Amino acid sequence: MSSIRNSSVRFRIYEGSDDQGKLAGTLEGGGLSFPVIVESSSAYISCVTDLTSESVSFRLQPFTSCGEDVADIPYNLLSPMFPGNYPNYAGCIWRLQMNSSTTLLFQFSSFDTETNYDILYFKNEEGNVDRFSGTLGSSDYTMTATNLTIVFVSDESESSTGFNATVDEANLLSGTKFRDANDKIHWVVPRAILTPSSYFCCDILCDRNTG
């Protein structure tokens, strides 16, 4: 769906034939920050507006379904048909559910999509949205989430190779980890950033199942 051109308009999109179905998403005026993908054979669209609305536009398109619910990390995030070109009208959804708020690291070894038209979106449970398109090559990205939704959508033309990324919990400390007799985890980290050839130890209290 494309953007809505009036801030007083709101669409609610449901799966099924009426507004008793699952709410797939909401679109409001001022532009579309995150796509709505309906994973059923029919959709019901409710529109609410006021008397100031002069023009409303949105676009519905069929899509090739892909993606999955991700139960475990590390995980390999791939665009459909990678390393070949992804199809036009792709609509992929990956859902990652963590046990607690987790900083996830996405290490992209490749990223190449049609700029501004074939877009990879990230959205956490707080509604924070990041989006990427174009040629980014090898790059890293992090987002903190308990529930993370990843969506990839492509339009009707100009596909490319897409993306390949490994997903894992971000290790915000680099160095050597060990556990002492009291079940406290220690990190021994090179202090090269501050003074070369010296070391320091930072302690992190963790439960028995950590690390």
Protein backbone atom coordinates (compact mmCIF):
# COMPACT_ATOMS: atom_id res chain seq x y z
CA MET A 1 0.00 0.00 0.00
CA SER A 2 1.23 3.50 -0.77
CA SER A 3 0.89 6.63 1.34
CA ILE A 4 -2.34 8.43 2.23
CA ARG A 5 -2.47 12.08 1.20
CA ASN A 6 -4.58 13.50 3.99
CA SER A 7 -3.79 13.56 7.70
CA SER A 8 -7.49 13.29 8.67
CA VAL A 9 -7.91 9.86 7.04
CA ARG A 10 -7.40 6.52 8.78
CA PHE A 11 -7.67 3.05 7.32
CA ARG A 12 -7.98 -0.13 9.38
CA ILE A 13 -7.28 -3.34 7.46
CA TYR A 14 -8.69 -6.66 8.69
CA GLU A 15 -8.12 -10.20 7.48
CA GLY A 16 -11.40 -11.73 6.30
CA SER A 17 -14.73 -10.33 5.15
CA ASP A 18 -15.58 -7.92 8.00
CA ASP A 19 -14.14 -5.98 10.92
CA GLN A 20 -14.37 -8.99 13.23
CA GLY A 21 -11.30 -10.56 11.66
CA LYS A 22 -7.70 -10.16 12.75
CA LEU A 23 -6.46 -6.55 12.50
CA ALA A 24 -3.63 -6.66 9.97
CA GLY A 25 -2.64 -3.02 10.38
CA THR A 26 -3.59 0.64 10.40
CA LEU A 27 -2.74 3.37 7.91
CA GLU A 28 -3.07 7.03 8.78
CA GLY A 29 -2.53 10.23 6.83
CA GLY A 30 0.92 11.71 6.56
CA GLY A 31 2.63 8.84 4.80
CA LEU A 32 3.20 5.13 5.20
CA SER A 33 6.07 4.15 7.49
CA PHE A 34 5.43 0.40 7.58
CA PRO A 35 3.64 -1.80 5.03
CA VAL A 36 0.51 -3.78 5.82
CA ILE A 37 0.49 -7.33 4.47
CA VAL A 38 -2.72 -9.35 4.66
CA GLU A 39 -2.03 -13.07 4.91
CA SER A 40 -5.50 -14.30 3.96
CA SER A 41 -7.58 -14.71 0.81
CA SER A 42 -9.67 -11.61 1.55
CA ALA A 43 -9.39 -8.30 3.36
CA TYR A 44 -11.85 -5.82 4.84
CA ILE A 45 -10.84 -2.14 4.78
CA SER A 46 -12.50 0.40 7.06
CA CYS A 47 -12.02 4.09 6.27
CA VAL A 48 -12.62 6.89 8.76
CA THR A 49 -12.40 10.50 7.59
CA ASP A 50 -13.81 13.94 8.29
CA LEU A 51 -15.29 16.69 6.12
CA THR A 52 -11.89 18.28 5.39
CA SER A 53 -10.64 15.33 3.33
CA GLU A 54 -10.27 16.10 -0.36
CA SER A 55 -8.20 13.20 -1.69
CA VAL A 56 -7.35 9.76 -0.49
CA SER A 57 -5.13 7.25 -2.26
CA PHE A 58 -3.66 3.89 -1.49
CA ARG A 59 -2.54 0.89 -3.50
CA LEU A 60 -3.33 -2.79 -3.13
CA GLN A 61 -1.06 -5.32 -4.79
CA PRO A 62 -0.84 -9.12 -4.84
CA PHE A 63 2.37 -10.58 -3.46
CA THR A 64 4.44 -13.73 -3.31
CA SER A 65 4.37 -14.83 0.32
CA CYS A 66 7.65 -15.65 2.08
CA GLY A 67 9.33 -15.42 5.46
CA GLU A 68 8.59 -17.35 8.67
CA ASP A 69 8.35 -17.21 12.44
CA VAL A 70 11.87 -17.44 13.83
CA ALA A 71 12.15 -19.48 17.02
CA ASP A 72 15.91 -19.53 17.51
CA ILE A 73 18.96 -17.44 16.81
CA PRO A 74 21.54 -17.45 15.25
CA TYR A 75 19.44 -17.24 12.08
CA ASN A 76 20.21 -16.65 8.40
CA LEU A 77 17.99 -13.90 6.94
CA LEU A 78 17.74 -14.24 3.17
CA SER A 79 15.71 -12.49 0.50
CA PRO A 80 13.69 -14.97 -1.59
CA MET A 81 15.72 -16.85 -4.24
CA PHE A 82 19.05 -15.43 -2.97
CA PRO A 83 21.72 -15.38 -4.50
CA GLY A 84 19.45 -15.09 -7.51
CA ASN A 85 17.17 -12.12 -8.00
CA TYR A 86 14.12 -11.85 -5.75
CA PRO A 87 10.72 -11.83 -7.51
CA ASN A 88 8.57 -8.80 -8.19
CA TYR A 89 5.62 -8.39 -5.79
CA ALA A 90 7.43 -10.08 -2.92
CA GLY A 91 5.81 -9.76 0.50
CA CYS A 92 7.96 -11.41 3.17
CA ILE A 93 7.35 -11.38 6.92
CA TRP A 94 9.74 -12.67 9.56
CA ARG A 95 8.72 -12.54 13.23
CA LEU A 96 11.32 -12.89 15.98
CA GLN A 97 10.14 -13.29 19.56
CA MET A 98 12.74 -13.10 22.33
CA ASN A 99 12.32 -14.00 26.00
CA SER A 100 13.26 -10.45 27.01
CA SER A 101 14.43 -7.20 25.48
CA THR A 102 17.45 -8.12 23.36
CA THR A 103 19.83 -6.16 21.16
CA LEU A 104 19.99 -8.07 17.90
CA LEU A 105 22.90 -7.76 15.49
CA PHE A 106 22.28 -8.17 11.75
CA GLN A 107 25.51 -8.71 9.84
CA PHE A 108 24.82 -8.23 6.13
CA SER A 109 27.32 -9.81 3.78
CA SER A 110 25.29 -8.51 0.84
CA PHE A 111 22.51 -5.97 0.33
CA ASP A 112 21.27 -4.81 -3.08
CA THR A 113 17.65 -3.78 -3.79
CA GLU A 114 15.91 -1.24 -6.01
CA THR A 115 16.37 2.08 -4.21
CA ASN A 116 13.20 3.47 -2.57
CA TYR A 117 10.96 0.78 -4.11
CA ASP A 118 12.12 -2.62 -2.83
CA ILE A 119 12.48 -2.07 0.90
CA LEU A 120 13.45 -4.05 3.98
CA TYR A 121 11.66 -2.85 7.14
CA PHE A 122 12.36 -3.50 10.82
CA LYS A 123 9.77 -2.76 13.51
CA ASN A 124 9.91 -3.54 17.24
CA GLU A 125 7.08 -3.73 19.78
CA GLU A 126 7.49 -0.04 20.64
CA GLY A 127 6.68 0.98 17.07
CA ASN A 128 10.22 2.01 16.12
CA VAL A 129 10.71 1.52 12.38
CA ASP A 130 13.89 1.41 10.30
CA ARG A 131 13.94 0.85 6.54
CA PHE A 132 16.70 0.06 4.06
CA SER A 133 16.97 -0.08 0.28
CA GLY A 134 19.58 0.42 -2.40
CA THR A 135 23.13 -0.93 -2.55
CA LEU A 136 24.65 -1.17 0.93
CA GLY A 137 27.10 -4.04 0.44
CA SER A 138 28.51 -5.46 3.68
CA SER A 139 27.17 -3.65 6.73
CA ASP A 140 25.94 -4.19 10.30
CA TYR A 141 22.66 -3.13 11.87
CA THR A 142 21.30 -3.46 15.42
CA MET A 143 17.83 -3.10 16.92
CA THR A 144 16.65 -3.77 20.46
CA ALA A 145 13.38 -5.68 20.74
CA THR A 146 11.42 -8.35 22.51
CA ASN A 147 9.18 -8.83 19.46
CA LEU A 148 10.67 -7.86 16.12
CA THR A 149 8.84 -7.87 12.79
CA ILE A 150 10.87 -7.78 9.59
CA VAL A 151 9.10 -7.13 6.28
CA PHE A 152 10.49 -7.09 2.76
CA VAL A 153 8.35 -5.79 -0.09
CA SER A 154 9.19 -5.37 -3.77
CA ASP A 155 7.23 -3.61 -6.48
CA GLU A 156 6.34 -4.64 -10.01
CA SER A 157 9.74 -4.03 -11.67
CA GLU A 158 13.54 -4.09 -11.39
CA SER A 159 14.51 -6.85 -8.99
CA SER A 160 18.05 -7.52 -7.76
CA THR A 161 19.95 -10.06 -5.63
CA GLY A 162 18.52 -8.78 -2.34
CA PHE A 163 20.20 -9.51 0.97
CA ASN A 164 21.99 -12.09 3.07
CA ALA A 165 22.44 -11.51 6.81
CA THR A 166 23.23 -13.49 9.93
CA VAL A 167 21.13 -12.58 12.98
CA ASP A 168 22.38 -13.10 16.51
CA GLU A 169 22.36 -11.48 19.91
CA ALA A 170 24.73 -8.52 19.88
CA ASN A 171 27.82 -9.01 22.02
CA LEU A 172 28.41 -5.48 23.25
CA LEU A 173 31.68 -6.47 24.86
CA SER A 174 34.60 -8.05 23.03
CA GLY A 175 37.22 -10.06 24.84
CA THR A 176 37.65 -13.25 26.88
CA LYS A 177 34.79 -14.46 29.07
CA PHE A 178 35.10 -16.79 32.04
CA ARG A 179 33.00 -17.80 35.08
CA ASP A 180 34.39 -17.94 38.60
CA ALA A 181 33.46 -20.31 41.44
CA ASN A 182 30.66 -17.98 42.57
CA ASP A 183 28.95 -18.09 39.14
CA LYS A 184 29.96 -14.51 38.36
CA ILE A 185 30.90 -13.92 34.72
CA HIS A 186 34.08 -11.92 34.06
CA TRP A 187 35.21 -10.31 30.85
CA VAL A 188 38.90 -9.61 30.23
CA VAL A 189 38.96 -6.95 27.54
CA PRO A 190 41.99 -5.48 25.76
CA ARG A 191 42.27 -1.80 26.59
CA ALA A 192 43.80 -0.91 23.28
CA ILE A 193 41.42 1.98 22.78
CA LEU A 194 42.72 3.71 25.92
CA THR A 195 46.27 2.54 26.55
CA PRO A 196 47.96 -0.06 24.35
CA SER A 197 49.32 -3.27 25.90
CA SER A 198 47.25 -3.05 29.08
CA TYR A 199 44.17 -4.91 30.22
CA PHE A 200 41.28 -4.45 32.61
CA CYS A 201 38.57 -6.72 33.93
CA CYS A 202 34.92 -5.75 34.03
CA ASP A 203 32.47 -7.85 36.04
CA ILE A 204 28.92 -8.60 34.97
CA LEU A 205 26.48 -10.30 37.32
CA CYS A 206 24.64 -13.02 35.44
CA ASP A 207 22.50 -15.99 36.32
CA ARG A 208 23.70 -19.55 36.03
CA ASN A 209 22.23 -20.07 32.58
CA THR A 210 23.97 -17.11 30.97
CA GLY A 211 26.93 -17.65 28.72
